[in-house]
Amino acid sequence: MGQPLRPFGTACWLTCHTVLTDRQIARYTGLPEEAVRGIRQDGPPPGTVGLDPVAIGILTLAEIDRCAADPAADLRPAESGSQHMPGAARAV
């Protein structure tokens, strides 16, 4: 599985808007579990903006709900096949 384009932003959004475990978020974003725990306890690093993975189509609410119900489950990216790409790259 590829990592999200902005792992810290994605981890910030997931910690603030879901009940997923630090382990689940760390495995999905590729960040160390300690970094996710730090985001949850101390807030995001300065200048980090949360990135909603549902809004950009890399996760679904159903997938988040599935993993919230099973703390041992790992998040799987959406099956849409679309990858998040910055607007500047799409315009080329």
N, C-alpha and C. Protein backbone atom coordinates (compact mmCIF):
# COMPACT_ATOMS: atom_id res chain seq x y z
N MET A 1 0.85 -1.17 0.00
CA MET A 1 0.00 0.00 0.00
C MET A 1 0.89 1.23 0.00
N GLY A 2 0.57 2.18 -0.84
CA GLY A 2 1.29 3.43 -0.85
C GLY A 2 0.85 4.32 0.30
N GLN A 3 1.75 5.18 0.71
CA GLN A 3 1.43 6.09 1.80
C GLN A 3 0.71 7.31 1.26
N PRO A 4 -0.09 7.97 2.09
CA PRO A 4 -0.76 9.20 1.66
C PRO A 4 0.28 10.26 1.28
N LEU A 5 -0.12 11.16 0.41
CA LEU A 5 0.77 12.21 -0.05
C LEU A 5 1.26 13.08 1.11
N ARG A 6 0.38 13.43 2.03
CA ARG A 6 0.73 14.25 3.19
C ARG A 6 0.43 13.46 4.46
N PRO A 7 1.36 12.58 4.89
CA PRO A 7 1.06 11.71 6.02
C PRO A 7 0.76 12.45 7.32
N PHE A 8 1.49 13.55 7.62
CA PHE A 8 1.21 14.27 8.86
C PHE A 8 -0.17 14.91 8.81
N GLY A 9 -0.52 15.51 7.67
CA GLY A 9 -1.85 16.12 7.54
C GLY A 9 -2.95 15.09 7.66
N THR A 10 -2.74 13.92 7.04
CA THR A 10 -3.73 12.85 7.12
C THR A 10 -3.83 12.33 8.55
N ALA A 11 -2.70 12.14 9.21
CA ALA A 11 -2.71 11.67 10.60
C ALA A 11 -3.40 12.68 11.51
N CYS A 12 -3.17 13.97 11.28
CA CYS A 12 -3.83 15.01 12.09
C CYS A 12 -5.34 14.92 11.94
N TRP A 13 -5.81 14.79 10.71
CA TRP A 13 -7.25 14.73 10.48
C TRP A 13 -7.83 13.47 11.13
N LEU A 14 -7.18 12.33 10.93
CA LEU A 14 -7.69 11.07 11.48
C LEU A 14 -7.72 11.09 13.01
N THR A 15 -6.70 11.68 13.65
CA THR A 15 -6.70 11.71 15.11
C THR A 15 -7.79 12.62 15.65
N CYS A 16 -8.10 13.69 14.93
CA CYS A 16 -9.10 14.65 15.40
C CYS A 16 -10.54 14.24 15.08
N HIS A 17 -10.74 13.45 14.04
CA HIS A 17 -12.09 13.18 13.55
C HIS A 17 -12.54 11.72 13.64
N THR A 18 -11.68 10.84 14.15
CA THR A 18 -12.06 9.43 14.24
C THR A 18 -11.66 8.88 15.60
N VAL A 19 -12.09 7.66 15.87
CA VAL A 19 -11.68 6.95 17.08
C VAL A 19 -10.69 5.84 16.75
N LEU A 20 -10.03 5.94 15.61
CA LEU A 20 -9.04 4.94 15.22
C LEU A 20 -7.88 4.97 16.22
N THR A 21 -7.23 3.83 16.38
CA THR A 21 -6.10 3.76 17.31
C THR A 21 -4.87 4.41 16.68
N ASP A 22 -3.92 4.77 17.54
CA ASP A 22 -2.66 5.33 17.05
C ASP A 22 -1.96 4.33 16.12
N ARG A 23 -2.04 3.06 16.46
CA ARG A 23 -1.41 2.02 15.64
C ARG A 23 -2.02 1.97 14.24
N GLN A 24 -3.36 2.02 14.17
CA GLN A 24 -4.02 1.99 12.87
C GLN A 24 -3.61 3.18 12.01
N ILE A 25 -3.60 4.36 12.62
CA ILE A 25 -3.23 5.57 11.87
C ILE A 25 -1.77 5.50 11.45
N ALA A 26 -0.90 5.05 12.35
CA ALA A 26 0.52 4.95 12.03
C ALA A 26 0.76 3.98 10.87
N ARG A 27 0.10 2.83 10.91
CA ARG A 27 0.30 1.86 9.83
C ARG A 27 -0.22 2.39 8.50
N TYR A 28 -1.31 3.14 8.53
CA TYR A 28 -1.87 3.69 7.29
C TYR A 28 -0.99 4.80 6.72
N THR A 29 -0.50 5.68 7.57
CA THR A 29 0.26 6.84 7.09
C THR A 29 1.74 6.56 6.93
N GLY A 30 2.24 5.51 7.56
CA GLY A 30 3.66 5.22 7.49
C GLY A 30 4.47 6.00 8.53
N LEU A 31 3.80 6.72 9.40
CA LEU A 31 4.48 7.46 10.47
C LEU A 31 4.75 6.52 11.64
N PRO A 32 5.77 6.82 12.45
CA PRO A 32 5.96 6.03 13.67
C PRO A 32 4.75 6.22 14.60
N GLU A 33 4.42 5.18 15.32
CA GLU A 33 3.29 5.25 16.24
C GLU A 33 3.49 6.36 17.28
N GLU A 34 4.74 6.59 17.67
CA GLU A 34 5.04 7.65 18.64
C GLU A 34 4.69 9.02 18.08
N ALA A 35 4.89 9.22 16.77
CA ALA A 35 4.55 10.50 16.14
C ALA A 35 3.04 10.72 16.16
N VAL A 36 2.28 9.66 15.90
CA VAL A 36 0.81 9.77 15.93
C VAL A 36 0.35 10.04 17.35
N ARG A 37 0.96 9.37 18.31
CA ARG A 37 0.61 9.59 19.72
C ARG A 37 0.91 11.05 20.10
N GLY A 38 2.02 11.58 19.62
CA GLY A 38 2.37 12.98 19.88
C GLY A 38 1.36 13.94 19.29
N ILE A 39 0.88 13.64 18.07
CA ILE A 39 -0.15 14.48 17.45
C ILE A 39 -1.41 14.46 18.31
N ARG A 40 -1.79 13.29 18.78
CA ARG A 40 -3.00 13.16 19.59
C ARG A 40 -2.86 13.90 20.93
N GLN A 41 -1.69 13.79 21.55
CA GLN A 41 -1.50 14.38 22.88
C GLN A 41 -1.17 15.88 22.83
N ASP A 42 -0.33 16.27 21.89
CA ASP A 42 0.19 17.64 21.87
C ASP A 42 -0.35 18.50 20.73
N GLY A 43 -1.12 17.91 19.85
CA GLY A 43 -1.59 18.64 18.68
C GLY A 43 -0.61 18.50 17.52
N PRO A 44 -1.00 18.96 16.36
CA PRO A 44 -0.16 18.81 15.18
C PRO A 44 1.08 19.71 15.26
N PRO A 45 2.13 19.36 14.51
CA PRO A 45 3.30 20.23 14.44
C PRO A 45 2.90 21.60 13.87
N PRO A 46 3.59 22.66 14.27
CA PRO A 46 3.25 24.00 13.76
C PRO A 46 3.23 24.02 12.23
N GLY A 47 2.19 24.63 11.70
CA GLY A 47 2.06 24.75 10.25
C GLY A 47 1.42 23.57 9.56
N THR A 48 1.14 22.50 10.29
CA THR A 48 0.52 21.33 9.69
C THR A 48 -0.99 21.53 9.61
N VAL A 49 -1.53 21.31 8.45
CA VAL A 49 -2.97 21.44 8.22
C VAL A 49 -3.54 20.03 8.01
N GLY A 50 -4.63 19.74 8.69
CA GLY A 50 -5.27 18.43 8.53
C GLY A 50 -5.73 18.22 7.09
N LEU A 51 -5.60 17.00 6.62
CA LEU A 51 -6.01 16.63 5.27
C LEU A 51 -7.07 15.55 5.37
N ASP A 52 -8.28 15.85 4.91
CA ASP A 52 -9.40 14.92 4.98
C ASP A 52 -9.25 13.86 3.89
N PRO A 53 -8.89 12.61 4.25
CA PRO A 53 -8.70 11.58 3.24
C PRO A 53 -10.01 11.12 2.59
N VAL A 54 -11.13 11.38 3.24
CA VAL A 54 -12.43 11.03 2.66
C VAL A 54 -12.77 12.03 1.56
N ALA A 55 -12.54 13.31 1.82
CA ALA A 55 -12.87 14.35 0.86
C ALA A 55 -12.08 14.21 -0.44
N ILE A 56 -10.84 13.71 -0.34
CA ILE A 56 -10.04 13.57 -1.57
C ILE A 56 -10.11 12.16 -2.15
N GLY A 57 -10.90 11.29 -1.53
CA GLY A 57 -11.19 9.98 -2.11
C GLY A 57 -10.17 8.89 -1.85
N ILE A 58 -9.28 9.05 -0.87
CA ILE A 58 -8.32 7.97 -0.61
C ILE A 58 -8.78 7.02 0.49
N LEU A 59 -9.81 7.41 1.24
CA LEU A 59 -10.46 6.55 2.23
C LEU A 59 -11.96 6.76 2.14
N THR A 60 -12.70 5.76 2.59
CA THR A 60 -14.15 5.92 2.66
C THR A 60 -14.59 5.92 4.12
N LEU A 61 -15.73 6.51 4.37
CA LEU A 61 -16.27 6.48 5.74
C LEU A 61 -16.55 5.05 6.17
N ALA A 62 -16.98 4.22 5.24
CA ALA A 62 -17.24 2.82 5.57
C ALA A 62 -15.97 2.13 6.04
N GLU A 63 -14.84 2.43 5.41
CA GLU A 63 -13.56 1.84 5.81
C GLU A 63 -13.15 2.34 7.19
N ILE A 64 -13.33 3.62 7.45
CA ILE A 64 -13.02 4.18 8.77
C ILE A 64 -13.91 3.53 9.82
N ASP A 65 -15.21 3.39 9.53
CA ASP A 65 -16.13 2.74 10.47
C ASP A 65 -15.75 1.29 10.72
N ARG A 66 -15.36 0.57 9.66
CA ARG A 66 -14.96 -0.83 9.79
C ARG A 66 -13.77 -0.96 10.75
N CYS A 67 -12.80 -0.09 10.58
CA CYS A 67 -11.61 -0.17 11.42
C CYS A 67 -11.85 0.38 12.82
N ALA A 68 -12.76 1.32 12.96
CA ALA A 68 -13.11 1.82 14.28
C ALA A 68 -13.77 0.71 15.11
N ALA A 69 -14.51 -0.17 14.45
CA ALA A 69 -15.18 -1.26 15.14
C ALA A 69 -14.22 -2.41 15.48
N ASP A 70 -13.08 -2.47 14.78
CA ASP A 70 -12.11 -3.55 14.99
C ASP A 70 -10.71 -2.95 15.12
N PRO A 71 -10.25 -2.69 16.33
CA PRO A 71 -8.94 -2.06 16.51
C PRO A 71 -7.76 -2.83 15.93
N ALA A 72 -7.95 -4.11 15.63
CA ALA A 72 -6.87 -4.90 15.04
C ALA A 72 -6.82 -4.76 13.52
N ALA A 73 -7.85 -4.18 12.92
CA ALA A 73 -7.93 -4.06 11.46
C ALA A 73 -7.04 -2.92 10.96
N ASP A 74 -6.53 -3.09 9.75
CA ASP A 74 -5.74 -2.04 9.10
C ASP A 74 -6.59 -1.34 8.05
N LEU A 75 -6.41 -0.03 7.95
CA LEU A 75 -7.11 0.76 6.93
C LEU A 75 -6.62 0.36 5.54
N ARG A 76 -7.56 0.28 4.61
CA ARG A 76 -7.22 0.01 3.21
C ARG A 76 -7.68 1.20 2.38
N PRO A 77 -6.86 1.62 1.42
CA PRO A 77 -7.26 2.77 0.58
C PRO A 77 -8.53 2.46 -0.20
N ALA A 78 -9.22 3.52 -0.61
CA ALA A 78 -10.43 3.37 -1.41
C ALA A 78 -10.10 2.67 -2.71
N GLU A 79 -11.06 1.94 -3.25
CA GLU A 79 -10.86 1.16 -4.46
C GLU A 79 -11.11 1.95 -5.74
N SER A 80 -11.31 3.24 -5.62
CA SER A 80 -11.67 4.04 -6.79
C SER A 80 -10.55 4.07 -7.82
N GLY A 81 -9.33 3.77 -7.36
CA GLY A 81 -8.22 3.80 -8.29
C GLY A 81 -7.62 5.19 -8.44
N SER A 82 -8.30 6.20 -7.94
CA SER A 82 -7.76 7.55 -8.07
C SER A 82 -6.75 7.79 -6.97
N GLN A 83 -5.67 8.41 -7.30
CA GLN A 83 -4.66 8.80 -6.34
C GLN A 83 -4.73 10.30 -6.19
N HIS A 84 -4.48 10.81 -5.00
CA HIS A 84 -4.47 12.26 -4.82
C HIS A 84 -3.27 12.82 -5.54
N MET A 85 -3.50 13.83 -6.34
CA MET A 85 -2.42 14.49 -7.06
C MET A 85 -2.62 15.98 -6.91
N PRO A 86 -1.55 16.70 -6.60
CA PRO A 86 -1.71 18.15 -6.45
C PRO A 86 -2.27 18.78 -7.71
N GLY A 87 -3.04 19.86 -7.53
CA GLY A 87 -3.67 20.53 -8.65
C GLY A 87 -2.68 20.95 -9.72
N ALA A 88 -1.49 21.41 -9.34
CA ALA A 88 -0.50 21.84 -10.32
C ALA A 88 -0.08 20.68 -11.22
N ALA A 89 0.01 19.50 -10.68
CA ALA A 89 0.41 18.34 -11.48
C ALA A 89 -0.71 17.91 -12.42
N ARG A 90 -1.97 18.05 -11.96
CA ARG A 90 -3.08 17.68 -12.83
C ARG A 90 -3.22 18.62 -14.01
N ALA A 91 -2.85 19.86 -13.82
CA ALA A 91 -3.03 20.87 -14.87
C ALA A 91 -2.07 20.67 -16.02
N VAL A 92 -1.02 19.89 -15.83
CA VAL A 92 -0.01 19.72 -16.88
C VAL A 92 -0.51 18.82 -17.96
